[in-house]
Amino acid sequence: MIEAQLDESVPRQLARALEPFGIRARPFPQSWKGLADGDLLDRIESLGCSVFITCDGHMQSQQSLGRRSFAVITIPTNRRRTVIVNAAKIAELARHAAPGSHSVVDVS
């Protein structure tokens, strides 16, 4: 089972949609709201997650992700229907993600 953390902007329903693909995704904790990106990434790292799933397209350019112990997957939209329909693509990226890598989901 791959452990993943969802970002605040990712629809919470994605966690359930990823379960059949062997991805255990944690919804964004309310207590983390307002954290700076660097602090957020530190928290995710401390949890031991393999993957961080976000809709923040600026994360890669604003943060040094290459030194992180987890991969980042960016979904270019937070529209719930689009995100859920693409759960299999997200899971496939998660299965092949390497620590410090960044991938963008093709939702076309």
PDB file of N, CA and C in Angstrom:
ATOM      1  N   MET A   1       0.853  -1.186   0.000  1.00  0.00           N
ATOM      2  CA  MET A   1       0.000   0.000   0.000  1.00  0.00           C
ATOM      3  C   MET A   1       0.894   1.242   0.000  1.00  0.00           C
ATOM      4  N   ILE A   2       0.639   2.136  -0.917  1.00  0.00           N
ATOM      5  CA  ILE A   2       1.381   3.392  -1.010  1.00  0.00           C
ATOM      6  C   ILE A   2       0.676   4.435  -0.151  1.00  0.00           C
ATOM      7  N   GLU A   3       1.443   5.129   0.675  1.00  0.00           N
ATOM      8  CA  GLU A   3       0.901   6.186   1.532  1.00  0.00           C
ATOM      9  C   GLU A   3       1.028   7.530   0.824  1.00  0.00           C
ATOM     10  N   ALA A   4      -0.080   8.261   0.745  1.00  0.00           N
ATOM     11  CA  ALA A   4      -0.084   9.566   0.088  1.00  0.00           C
ATOM     12  C   ALA A   4      -0.773  10.594   0.977  1.00  0.00           C
ATOM     13  N   GLN A   5      -0.389  11.844   0.799  1.00  0.00           N
ATOM     14  CA  GLN A   5      -1.020  12.962   1.503  1.00  0.00           C
ATOM     15  C   GLN A   5      -1.653  13.873   0.470  1.00  0.00           C
ATOM     16  N   LEU A   6      -2.935  14.190   0.660  1.00  0.00           N
ATOM     17  CA  LEU A   6      -3.615  15.132  -0.221  1.00  0.00           C
ATOM     18  C   LEU A   6      -3.402  16.548   0.280  1.00  0.00           C
ATOM     19  N   ASP A   7      -3.239  17.474  -0.643  1.00  0.00           N
ATOM     20  CA  ASP A   7      -3.121  18.887  -0.312  1.00  0.00           C
ATOM     21  C   ASP A   7      -4.512  19.456  -0.044  1.00  0.00           C
ATOM     22  N   GLU A   8      -4.530  20.630   0.521  1.00  0.00           N
ATOM     23  CA  GLU A   8      -5.777  21.305   0.892  1.00  0.00           C
ATOM     24  C   GLU A   8      -6.709  21.517  -0.300  1.00  0.00           C
ATOM     25  N   SER A   9      -6.162  21.791  -1.464  1.00  0.00           N
ATOM     26  CA  SER A   9      -6.980  22.105  -2.637  1.00  0.00           C
ATOM     27  C   SER A   9      -7.489  20.871  -3.382  1.00  0.00           C
ATOM     28  N   VAL A  10      -7.030  19.696  -3.011  1.00  0.00           N
ATOM     29  CA  VAL A  10      -7.438  18.461  -3.683  1.00  0.00           C
ATOM     30  C   VAL A  10      -8.757  17.974  -3.078  1.00  0.00           C
ATOM     31  N   PRO A  11      -9.739  17.654  -3.923  1.00  0.00           N
ATOM     32  CA  PRO A  11     -11.010  17.146  -3.383  1.00  0.00           C
ATOM     33  C   PRO A  11     -10.791  15.924  -2.489  1.00  0.00           C
ATOM     34  N   ARG A  12     -11.377  15.944  -1.315  1.00  0.00           N
ATOM     35  CA  ARG A  12     -11.214  14.867  -0.334  1.00  0.00           C
ATOM     36  C   ARG A  12     -11.682  13.515  -0.860  1.00  0.00           C
ATOM     37  N   GLN A  13     -12.620  13.539  -1.796  1.00  0.00           N
ATOM     38  CA  GLN A  13     -13.171  12.306  -2.355  1.00  0.00           C
ATOM     39  C   GLN A  13     -12.119  11.491  -3.105  1.00  0.00           C
ATOM     40  N   LEU A  14     -11.021  12.129  -3.475  1.00  0.00           N
ATOM     41  CA  LEU A  14      -9.966  11.401  -4.174  1.00  0.00           C
ATOM     42  C   LEU A  14      -9.395  10.291  -3.294  1.00  0.00           C
ATOM     43  N   ALA A  15      -9.359  10.493  -2.001  1.00  0.00           N
ATOM     44  CA  ALA A  15      -8.820   9.466  -1.097  1.00  0.00           C
ATOM     45  C   ALA A  15      -9.553   8.144  -1.294  1.00  0.00           C
ATOM     46  N   ARG A  16     -10.848   8.182  -1.323  1.00  0.00           N
ATOM     47  CA  ARG A  16     -11.641   6.961  -1.515  1.00  0.00           C
ATOM     48  C   ARG A  16     -11.448   6.397  -2.925  1.00  0.00           C
ATOM     49  N   ALA A  17     -11.363   7.273  -3.921  1.00  0.00           N
ATOM     50  CA  ALA A  17     -11.205   6.829  -5.309  1.00  0.00           C
ATOM     51  C   ALA A  17      -9.863   6.130  -5.544  1.00  0.00           C
ATOM     52  N   LEU A  18      -8.855   6.450  -4.745  1.00  0.00           N
ATOM     53  CA  LEU A  18      -7.533   5.839  -4.914  1.00  0.00           C
ATOM     54  C   LEU A  18      -7.395   4.497  -4.199  1.00  0.00           C
ATOM     55  N   GLU A  19      -8.255   4.207  -3.245  1.00  0.00           N
ATOM     56  CA  GLU A  19      -8.152   2.967  -2.462  1.00  0.00           C
ATOM     57  C   GLU A  19      -8.093   1.707  -3.318  1.00  0.00           C
ATOM     58  N   PRO A  20      -8.977   1.542  -4.328  1.00  0.00           N
ATOM     59  CA  PRO A  20      -8.931   0.314  -5.130  1.00  0.00           C
ATOM     60  C   PRO A  20      -7.616   0.120  -5.894  1.00  0.00           C
ATOM     61  N   PHE A  21      -6.841   1.177  -6.025  1.00  0.00           N
ATOM     62  CA  PHE A  21      -5.566   1.115  -6.738  1.00  0.00           C
ATOM     63  C   PHE A  21      -4.382   0.906  -5.795  1.00  0.00           C
ATOM     64  N   GLY A  22      -4.663   0.658  -4.531  1.00  0.00           N
ATOM     65  CA  GLY A  22      -3.597   0.410  -3.565  1.00  0.00           C
ATOM     66  C   GLY A  22      -2.920   1.658  -3.030  1.00  0.00           C
ATOM     67  N   ILE A  23      -3.633   2.782  -3.087  1.00  0.00           N
ATOM     68  CA  ILE A  23      -3.101   4.042  -2.571  1.00  0.00           C
ATOM     69  C   ILE A  23      -3.927   4.449  -1.352  1.00  0.00           C
ATOM     70  N   ARG A  24      -3.270   4.594  -0.211  1.00  0.00           N
ATOM     71  CA  ARG A  24      -3.945   5.086   0.986  1.00  0.00           C
ATOM     72  C   ARG A  24      -3.634   6.574   1.092  1.00  0.00           C
ATOM     73  N   ALA A  25      -4.614   7.399   0.741  1.00  0.00           N
ATOM     74  CA  ALA A  25      -4.418   8.852   0.728  1.00  0.00           C
ATOM     75  C   ALA A  25      -5.086   9.487   1.940  1.00  0.00           C
ATOM     76  N   ARG A  26      -4.328  10.306   2.632  1.00  0.00           N
ATOM     77  CA  ARG A  26      -4.852  11.015   3.804  1.00  0.00           C
ATOM     78  C   ARG A  26      -5.422  12.360   3.368  1.00  0.00           C
ATOM     79  N   PRO A  27      -6.655  12.664   3.784  1.00  0.00           N
ATOM     80  CA  PRO A  27      -7.188  14.010   3.523  1.00  0.00           C
ATOM     81  C   PRO A  27      -6.347  15.052   4.261  1.00  0.00           C
ATOM     82  N   PHE A  28      -6.393  16.270   3.792  1.00  0.00           N
ATOM     83  CA  PHE A  28      -5.620  17.361   4.378  1.00  0.00           C
ATOM     84  C   PHE A  28      -6.127  17.666   5.790  1.00  0.00           C
ATOM     85  N   PRO A  29      -5.254  17.640   6.792  1.00  0.00           N
ATOM     86  CA  PRO A  29      -5.677  17.935   8.167  1.00  0.00           C
ATOM     87  C   PRO A  29      -6.059  19.410   8.344  1.00  0.00           C
ATOM     88  N   GLN A  30      -7.153  19.653   9.000  1.00  0.00           N
ATOM     89  CA  GLN A  30      -7.596  21.028   9.260  1.00  0.00           C
ATOM     90  C   GLN A  30      -6.545  21.820  10.029  1.00  0.00           C
ATOM     91  N   SER A  31      -5.812  21.146  10.896  1.00  0.00           N
ATOM     92  CA  SER A  31      -4.804  21.836  11.714  1.00  0.00           C
ATOM     93  C   SER A  31      -3.618  22.341  10.889  1.00  0.00           C
ATOM     94  N   TRP A  32      -3.503  21.907   9.633  1.00  0.00           N
ATOM     95  CA  TRP A  32      -2.404  22.341   8.782  1.00  0.00           C
ATOM     96  C   TRP A  32      -2.754  23.572   7.949  1.00  0.00           C
ATOM     97  N   LYS A  33      -4.003  23.998   7.977  1.00  0.00           N
ATOM     98  CA  LYS A  33      -4.404  25.156   7.170  1.00  0.00           C
ATOM     99  C   LYS A  33      -3.539  26.361   7.532  1.00  0.00           C
ATOM    100  N   GLY A  34      -3.091  27.076   6.519  1.00  0.00           N
ATOM    101  CA  GLY A  34      -2.297  28.272   6.742  1.00  0.00           C
ATOM    102  C   GLY A  34      -0.800  28.043   6.857  1.00  0.00           C
ATOM    103  N   LEU A  35      -0.351  26.782   6.829  1.00  0.00           N
ATOM    104  CA  LEU A  35       1.090  26.524   6.894  1.00  0.00           C
ATOM    105  C   LEU A  35       1.773  27.022   5.622  1.00  0.00           C
ATOM    106  N   ALA A  36       2.962  27.548   5.765  1.00  0.00           N
ATOM    107  CA  ALA A  36       3.779  27.894   4.600  1.00  0.00           C
ATOM    108  C   ALA A  36       4.154  26.600   3.882  1.00  0.00           C
ATOM    109  N   ASP A  37       4.383  26.681   2.571  1.00  0.00           N
ATOM    110  CA  ASP A  37       4.672  25.476   1.789  1.00  0.00           C
ATOM    111  C   ASP A  37       5.839  24.672   2.349  1.00  0.00           C
ATOM    112  N   GLY A  38       6.917  25.337   2.735  1.00  0.00           N
ATOM    113  CA  GLY A  38       8.070  24.625   3.279  1.00  0.00           C
ATOM    114  C   GLY A  38       7.730  23.855   4.547  1.00  0.00           C
ATOM    115  N   ASP A  39       6.958  24.476   5.436  1.00  0.00           N
ATOM    116  CA  ASP A  39       6.534  23.803   6.669  1.00  0.00           C
ATOM    117  C   ASP A  39       5.605  22.637   6.355  1.00  0.00           C
ATOM    118  N   LEU A  40       4.735  22.826   5.380  1.00  0.00           N
ATOM    119  CA  LEU A  40       3.827  21.758   4.959  1.00  0.00           C
ATOM    120  C   LEU A  40       4.624  20.561   4.441  1.00  0.00           C
ATOM    121  N   LEU A  41       5.594  20.810   3.594  1.00  0.00           N
ATOM    122  CA  LEU A  41       6.412  19.727   3.049  1.00  0.00           C
ATOM    123  C   LEU A  41       7.201  19.026   4.149  1.00  0.00           C
ATOM    124  N   ASP A  42       7.674  19.768   5.138  1.00  0.00           N
ATOM    125  CA  ASP A  42       8.365  19.157   6.282  1.00  0.00           C
ATOM    126  C   ASP A  42       7.431  18.219   7.043  1.00  0.00           C
ATOM    127  N   ARG A  43       6.192  18.630   7.235  1.00  0.00           N
ATOM    128  CA  ARG A  43       5.217  17.781   7.949  1.00  0.00           C
ATOM    129  C   ARG A  43       4.953  16.497   7.172  1.00  0.00           C
ATOM    130  N   ILE A  44       4.783  16.628   5.864  1.00  0.00           N
ATOM    131  CA  ILE A  44       4.528  15.451   5.027  1.00  0.00           C
ATOM    132  C   ILE A  44       5.712  14.492   5.110  1.00  0.00           C
ATOM    133  N   GLU A  45       6.896  15.043   5.065  1.00  0.00           N
ATOM    134  CA  GLU A  45       8.098  14.218   5.155  1.00  0.00           C
ATOM    135  C   GLU A  45       8.149  13.484   6.490  1.00  0.00           C
ATOM    136  N   SER A  46       7.769  14.154   7.568  1.00  0.00           N
ATOM    137  CA  SER A  46       7.811  13.530   8.894  1.00  0.00           C
ATOM    138  C   SER A  46       6.798  12.396   9.036  1.00  0.00           C
ATOM    139  N   LEU A  47       5.740  12.418   8.225  1.00  0.00           N
ATOM    140  CA  LEU A  47       4.744  11.343   8.254  1.00  0.00           C
ATOM    141  C   LEU A  47       5.226  10.084   7.542  1.00  0.00           C
ATOM    142  N   GLY A  48       6.228  10.236   6.702  1.00  0.00           N
ATOM    143  CA  GLY A  48       6.738   9.086   5.962  1.00  0.00           C
ATOM    144  C   GLY A  48       5.933   8.743   4.721  1.00  0.00           C
ATOM    145  N   CYS A  49       5.176   9.695   4.210  1.00  0.00           N
ATOM    146  CA  CYS A  49       4.394   9.463   2.993  1.00  0.00           C
ATOM    147  C   CYS A  49       5.323   9.314   1.794  1.00  0.00           C
ATOM    148  N   SER A  50       4.883   8.524   0.825  1.00  0.00           N
ATOM    149  CA  SER A  50       5.644   8.343  -0.412  1.00  0.00           C
ATOM    150  C   SER A  50       5.308   9.399  -1.446  1.00  0.00           C
ATOM    151  N   VAL A  51       4.071   9.936  -1.364  1.00  0.00           N
ATOM    152  CA  VAL A  51       3.573  10.838  -2.402  1.00  0.00           C
ATOM    153  C   VAL A  51       2.764  11.972  -1.776  1.00  0.00           C
ATOM    154  N   PHE A  52       2.938  13.169  -2.319  1.00  0.00           N
ATOM    155  CA  PHE A  52       2.118  14.327  -1.977  1.00  0.00           C
ATOM    156  C   PHE A  52       1.361  14.713  -3.236  1.00  0.00           C
ATOM    157  N   ILE A  53       0.036  14.779  -3.142  1.00  0.00           N
ATOM    158  CA  ILE A  53      -0.816  15.102  -4.289  1.00  0.00           C
ATOM    159  C   ILE A  53      -1.385  16.496  -4.088  1.00  0.00           C
ATOM    160  N   THR A  54      -1.131  17.377  -5.058  1.00  0.00           N
ATOM    161  CA  THR A  54      -1.525  18.774  -4.939  1.00  0.00           C
ATOM    162  C   THR A  54      -2.145  19.290  -6.233  1.00  0.00           C
ATOM    163  N   CYS A  55      -2.840  20.393  -6.137  1.00  0.00           N
ATOM    164  CA  CYS A  55      -3.332  21.119  -7.315  1.00  0.00           C
ATOM    165  C   CYS A  55      -2.560  22.426  -7.481  1.00  0.00           C
ATOM    166  N   ASP A  56      -1.554  22.637  -6.660  1.00  0.00           N
ATOM    167  CA  ASP A  56      -0.745  23.858  -6.687  1.00  0.00           C
ATOM    168  C   ASP A  56       0.316  23.742  -7.776  1.00  0.00           C
ATOM    169  N   GLY A  57       0.060  24.363  -8.911  1.00  0.00           N
ATOM    170  CA  GLY A  57       0.980  24.291 -10.033  1.00  0.00           C
ATOM    171  C   GLY A  57       2.280  25.039  -9.828  1.00  0.00           C
ATOM    172  N   HIS A  58       2.372  25.834  -8.781  1.00  0.00           N
ATOM    173  CA  HIS A  58       3.582  26.616  -8.515  1.00  0.00           C
ATOM    174  C   HIS A  58       4.521  25.939  -7.521  1.00  0.00           C
ATOM    175  N   MET A  59       4.086  24.827  -6.950  1.00  0.00           N
ATOM    176  CA  MET A  59       4.876  24.164  -5.908  1.00  0.00           C
ATOM    177  C   MET A  59       6.292  23.850  -6.393  1.00  0.00           C
ATOM    178  N   GLN A  60       6.419  23.316  -7.592  1.00  0.00           N
ATOM    179  CA  GLN A  60       7.732  22.912  -8.088  1.00  0.00           C
ATOM    180  C   GLN A  60       8.674  24.101  -8.244  1.00  0.00           C
ATOM    181  N   SER A  61       8.152  25.221  -8.718  1.00  0.00           N
ATOM    182  CA  SER A  61       9.021  26.376  -8.946  1.00  0.00           C
ATOM    183  C   SER A  61       9.334  27.145  -7.660  1.00  0.00           C
ATOM    184  N   GLN A  62       8.521  26.966  -6.630  1.00  0.00           N
ATOM    185  CA  GLN A  62       8.717  27.709  -5.386  1.00  0.00           C
ATOM    186  C   GLN A  62       9.474  26.927  -4.318  1.00  0.00           C
ATOM    187  N   GLN A  63       9.534  25.624  -4.466  1.00  0.00           N
ATOM    188  CA  GLN A  63      10.153  24.785  -3.443  1.00  0.00           C
ATOM    189  C   GLN A  63      11.194  23.865  -4.073  1.00  0.00           C
ATOM    190  N   SER A  64      12.195  23.494  -3.305  1.00  0.00           N
ATOM    191  CA  SER A  64      13.204  22.536  -3.754  1.00  0.00           C
ATOM    192  C   SER A  64      12.680  21.135  -3.447  1.00  0.00           C
ATOM    193  N   LEU A  65      12.120  20.492  -4.450  1.00  0.00           N
ATOM    194  CA  LEU A  65      11.491  19.189  -4.240  1.00  0.00           C
ATOM    195  C   LEU A  65      12.472  18.033  -4.401  1.00  0.00           C
ATOM    196  N   GLY A  66      13.555  18.251  -5.131  1.00  0.00           N
ATOM    197  CA  GLY A  66      14.492  17.178  -5.435  1.00  0.00           C
ATOM    198  C   GLY A  66      15.141  16.536  -4.229  1.00  0.00           C
ATOM    199  N   ARG A  67      15.222  17.248  -3.126  1.00  0.00           N
ATOM    200  CA  ARG A  67      15.863  16.694  -1.923  1.00  0.00           C
ATOM    201  C   ARG A  67      14.860  16.027  -0.982  1.00  0.00           C
ATOM    202  N   ARG A  68      13.603  16.039  -1.351  1.00  0.00           N
ATOM    203  CA  ARG A  68      12.558  15.474  -0.489  1.00  0.00           C
ATOM    204  C   ARG A  68      12.508  13.948  -0.593  1.00  0.00           C
ATOM    205  N   SER A  69      12.021  13.312   0.472  1.00  0.00           N
ATOM    206  CA  SER A  69      11.938  11.847   0.521  1.00  0.00           C
ATOM    207  C   SER A  69      10.635  11.321  -0.069  1.00  0.00           C
ATOM    208  N   PHE A  70       9.862  12.199  -0.674  1.00  0.00           N
ATOM    209  CA  PHE A  70       8.597  11.788  -1.286  1.00  0.00           C
ATOM    210  C   PHE A  70       8.480  12.445  -2.660  1.00  0.00           C
ATOM    211  N   ALA A  71       7.593  11.908  -3.476  1.00  0.00           N
ATOM    212  CA  ALA A  71       7.317  12.465  -4.801  1.00  0.00           C
ATOM    213  C   ALA A  71       6.147  13.434  -4.708  1.00  0.00           C
ATOM    214  N   VAL A  72       6.080  14.365  -5.652  1.00  0.00           N
ATOM    215  CA  VAL A  72       4.962  15.298  -5.737  1.00  0.00           C
ATOM    216  C   VAL A  72       4.238  15.058  -7.057  1.00  0.00           C
ATOM    217  N   ILE A  73       2.926  14.905  -6.968  1.00  0.00           N
ATOM    218  CA  ILE A  73       2.078  14.768  -8.151  1.00  0.00           C
ATOM    219  C   ILE A  73       1.149  15.968  -8.176  1.00  0.00           C
ATOM    220  N   THR A  74       1.167  16.703  -9.287  1.00  0.00           N
ATOM    221  CA  THR A  74       0.305  17.870  -9.440  1.00  0.00           C
ATOM    222  C   THR A  74      -0.843  17.545 -10.381  1.00  0.00           C
ATOM    223  N   ILE A  75      -2.045  17.854  -9.933  1.00  0.00           N
ATOM    224  CA  ILE A  75      -3.245  17.743 -10.760  1.00  0.00           C
ATOM    225  C   ILE A  75      -3.563  19.169 -11.201  1.00  0.00           C
ATOM    226  N   PRO A  76      -3.647  19.430 -12.518  1.00  0.00           N
ATOM    227  CA  PRO A  76      -3.807  20.815 -12.972  1.00  0.00           C
ATOM    228  C   PRO A  76      -5.200  21.412 -12.784  1.00  0.00           C
ATOM    229  N   THR A  77      -6.064  20.732 -12.086  1.00  0.00           N
ATOM    230  CA  THR A  77      -7.397  21.248 -11.777  1.00  0.00           C
ATOM    231  C   THR A  77      -7.840  20.683 -10.439  1.00  0.00           C
ATOM    232  N   ASN A  78      -8.739  21.387  -9.774  1.00  0.00           N
ATOM    233  CA  ASN A  78      -9.318  20.822  -8.547  1.00  0.00           C
ATOM    234  C   ASN A  78     -10.810  20.551  -8.727  1.00  0.00           C
ATOM    235  N   ARG A  79     -11.256  20.528  -9.981  1.00  0.00           N
ATOM    236  CA  ARG A  79     -12.658  20.176 -10.256  1.00  0.00           C
ATOM    237  C   ARG A  79     -12.872  18.722  -9.860  1.00  0.00           C
ATOM    238  N   ARG A  80     -13.758  18.505  -8.905  1.00  0.00           N
ATOM    239  CA  ARG A  80     -13.944  17.183  -8.318  1.00  0.00           C
ATOM    240  C   ARG A  80     -14.165  16.097  -9.363  1.00  0.00           C
ATOM    241  N   ARG A  81     -15.069  16.319 -10.283  1.00  0.00           N
ATOM    242  CA  ARG A  81     -15.374  15.286 -11.283  1.00  0.00           C
ATOM    243  C   ARG A  81     -14.132  14.925 -12.106  1.00  0.00           C
ATOM    244  N   THR A  82     -13.408  15.923 -12.548  1.00  0.00           N
ATOM    245  CA  THR A  82     -12.206  15.678 -13.349  1.00  0.00           C
ATOM    246  C   THR A  82     -11.157  14.922 -12.539  1.00  0.00           C
ATOM    247  N   VAL A  83     -10.980  15.300 -11.298  1.00  0.00           N
ATOM    248  CA  VAL A  83      -9.994  14.643 -10.438  1.00  0.00           C
ATOM    249  C   VAL A  83     -10.367  13.178 -10.226  1.00  0.00           C
ATOM    250  N   ILE A  84     -11.615  12.904  -9.892  1.00  0.00           N
ATOM    251  CA  ILE A  84     -12.050  11.532  -9.616  1.00  0.00           C
ATOM    252  C   ILE A  84     -11.949  10.662 -10.862  1.00  0.00           C
ATOM    253  N   VAL A  85     -12.350  11.188 -12.011  1.00  0.00           N
ATOM    254  CA  VAL A  85     -12.286  10.433 -13.267  1.00  0.00           C
ATOM    255  C   VAL A  85     -10.841  10.041 -13.593  1.00  0.00           C
ATOM    256  N   ASN A  86      -9.889  10.815 -13.133  1.00  0.00           N
ATOM    257  CA  ASN A  86      -8.479  10.557 -13.418  1.00  0.00           C
ATOM    258  C   ASN A  86      -7.753   9.828 -12.287  1.00  0.00           C
ATOM    259  N   ALA A  87      -8.482   9.206 -11.387  1.00  0.00           N
ATOM    260  CA  ALA A  87      -7.870   8.504 -10.251  1.00  0.00           C
ATOM    261  C   ALA A  87      -6.894   7.421 -10.704  1.00  0.00           C
ATOM    262  N   ALA A  88      -7.223   6.690 -11.757  1.00  0.00           N
ATOM    263  CA  ALA A  88      -6.325   5.629 -12.238  1.00  0.00           C
ATOM    264  C   ALA A  88      -4.998   6.214 -12.721  1.00  0.00           C
ATOM    265  N   LYS A  89      -5.044   7.344 -13.424  1.00  0.00           N
ATOM    266  CA  LYS A  89      -3.809   7.996 -13.889  1.00  0.00           C
ATOM    267  C   LYS A  89      -2.972   8.478 -12.703  1.00  0.00           C
ATOM    268  N   ILE A  90      -3.649   9.029 -11.709  1.00  0.00           N
ATOM    269  CA  ILE A  90      -2.950   9.513 -10.513  1.00  0.00           C
ATOM    270  C   ILE A  90      -2.277   8.343  -9.798  1.00  0.00           C
ATOM    271  N   ALA A  91      -3.007   7.235  -9.673  1.00  0.00           N
ATOM    272  CA  ALA A  91      -2.456   6.046  -9.018  1.00  0.00           C
ATOM    273  C   ALA A  91      -1.258   5.496  -9.788  1.00  0.00           C
ATOM    274  N   GLU A  92      -1.341   5.485 -11.101  1.00  0.00           N
ATOM    275  CA  GLU A  92      -0.229   4.997 -11.924  1.00  0.00           C
ATOM    276  C   GLU A  92       1.018   5.859 -11.712  1.00  0.00           C
ATOM    277  N   LEU A  93       0.839   7.162 -11.689  1.00  0.00           N
ATOM    278  CA  LEU A  93       1.975   8.053 -11.414  1.00  0.00           C
ATOM    279  C   LEU A  93       2.540   7.793 -10.016  1.00  0.00           C
ATOM    280  N   ALA A  94       1.665   7.580  -9.049  1.00  0.00           N
ATOM    281  CA  ALA A  94       2.110   7.327  -7.672  1.00  0.00           C
ATOM    282  C   ALA A  94       2.914   6.030  -7.581  1.00  0.00           C
ATOM    283  N   ARG A  95       2.472   4.997  -8.293  1.00  0.00           N
ATOM    284  CA  ARG A  95       3.181   3.714  -8.254  1.00  0.00           C
ATOM    285  C   ARG A  95       4.598   3.813  -8.822  1.00  0.00           C
ATOM    286  N   HIS A  96       4.805   4.695  -9.771  1.00  0.00           N
ATOM    287  CA  HIS A  96       6.108   4.801 -10.431  1.00  0.00           C
ATOM    288  C   HIS A  96       6.923   6.020  -9.987  1.00  0.00           C
ATOM    289  N   ALA A  97       6.432   6.747  -9.019  1.00  0.00           N
ATOM    290  CA  ALA A  97       7.102   7.974  -8.573  1.00  0.00           C
ATOM    291  C   ALA A  97       8.327   7.653  -7.720  1.00  0.00           C
ATOM    292  N   ALA A  98       9.375   8.409  -7.945  1.00  0.00           N
ATOM    293  CA  ALA A  98      10.600   8.275  -7.154  1.00  0.00           C
ATOM    294  C   ALA A  98      10.691   9.443  -6.175  1.00  0.00           C
ATOM    295  N   PRO A  99      11.317   9.229  -5.026  1.00  0.00           N
ATOM    296  CA  PRO A  99      11.492  10.334  -4.079  1.00  0.00           C
ATOM    297  C   PRO A  99      12.150  11.540  -4.756  1.00  0.00           C
ATOM    298  N   GLY A 100      11.615  12.716  -4.484  1.00  0.00           N
ATOM    299  CA  GLY A 100      12.152  13.946  -5.049  1.00  0.00           C
ATOM    300  C   GLY A 100      11.663  14.274  -6.445  1.00  0.00           C
ATOM    301  N   SER A 101      10.865  13.384  -7.031  1.00  0.00           N
ATOM    302  CA  SER A 101      10.376  13.629  -8.392  1.00  0.00           C
ATOM    303  C   SER A 101       9.092  14.454  -8.379  1.00  0.00           C
ATOM    304  N   HIS A 102       8.781  15.015  -9.538  1.00  0.00           N
ATOM    305  CA  HIS A 102       7.548  15.790  -9.706  1.00  0.00           C
ATOM    306  C   HIS A 102       6.900  15.356 -11.008  1.00  0.00           C
ATOM    307  N   SER A 103       5.601  15.031 -10.953  1.00  0.00           N
ATOM    308  CA  SER A 103       4.839  14.630 -12.135  1.00  0.00           C
ATOM    309  C   SER A 103       3.571  15.449 -12.203  1.00  0.00           C
ATOM    310  N   VAL A 104       3.090  15.669 -13.420  1.00  0.00           N
ATOM    311  CA  VAL A 104       1.831  16.371 -13.640  1.00  0.00           C
ATOM    312  C   VAL A 104       0.870  15.403 -14.314  1.00  0.00           C
ATOM    313  N   VAL A 105      -0.340  15.313 -13.785  1.00  0.00           N
ATOM    314  CA  VAL A 105      -1.360  14.417 -14.333  1.00  0.00           C
ATOM    315  C   VAL A 105      -1.912  15.011 -15.626  1.00  0.00           C
ATOM    316  N   ASP A 106      -1.956  14.192 -16.672  1.00  0.00           N
ATOM    317  CA  ASP A 106      -2.569  14.602 -17.939  1.00  0.00           C
ATOM    318  C   ASP A 106      -4.068  14.344 -17.822  1.00  0.00           C
ATOM    319  N   VAL A 107      -4.849  15.393 -17.676  1.00  0.00           N
ATOM    320  CA  VAL A 107      -6.298  15.240 -17.491  1.00  0.00           C
ATOM    321  C   VAL A 107      -7.078  15.441 -18.790  1.00  0.00           C
ATOM    322  N   SER A 108      -6.374  15.466 -19.922  1.00  0.00           N
ATOM    323  CA  SER A 108      -7.077  15.669 -21.202  1.00  0.00           C
ATOM    324  C   SER A 108      -7.747  14.396 -21.676  1.00  0.00           C
TER     325      SER A 108
END
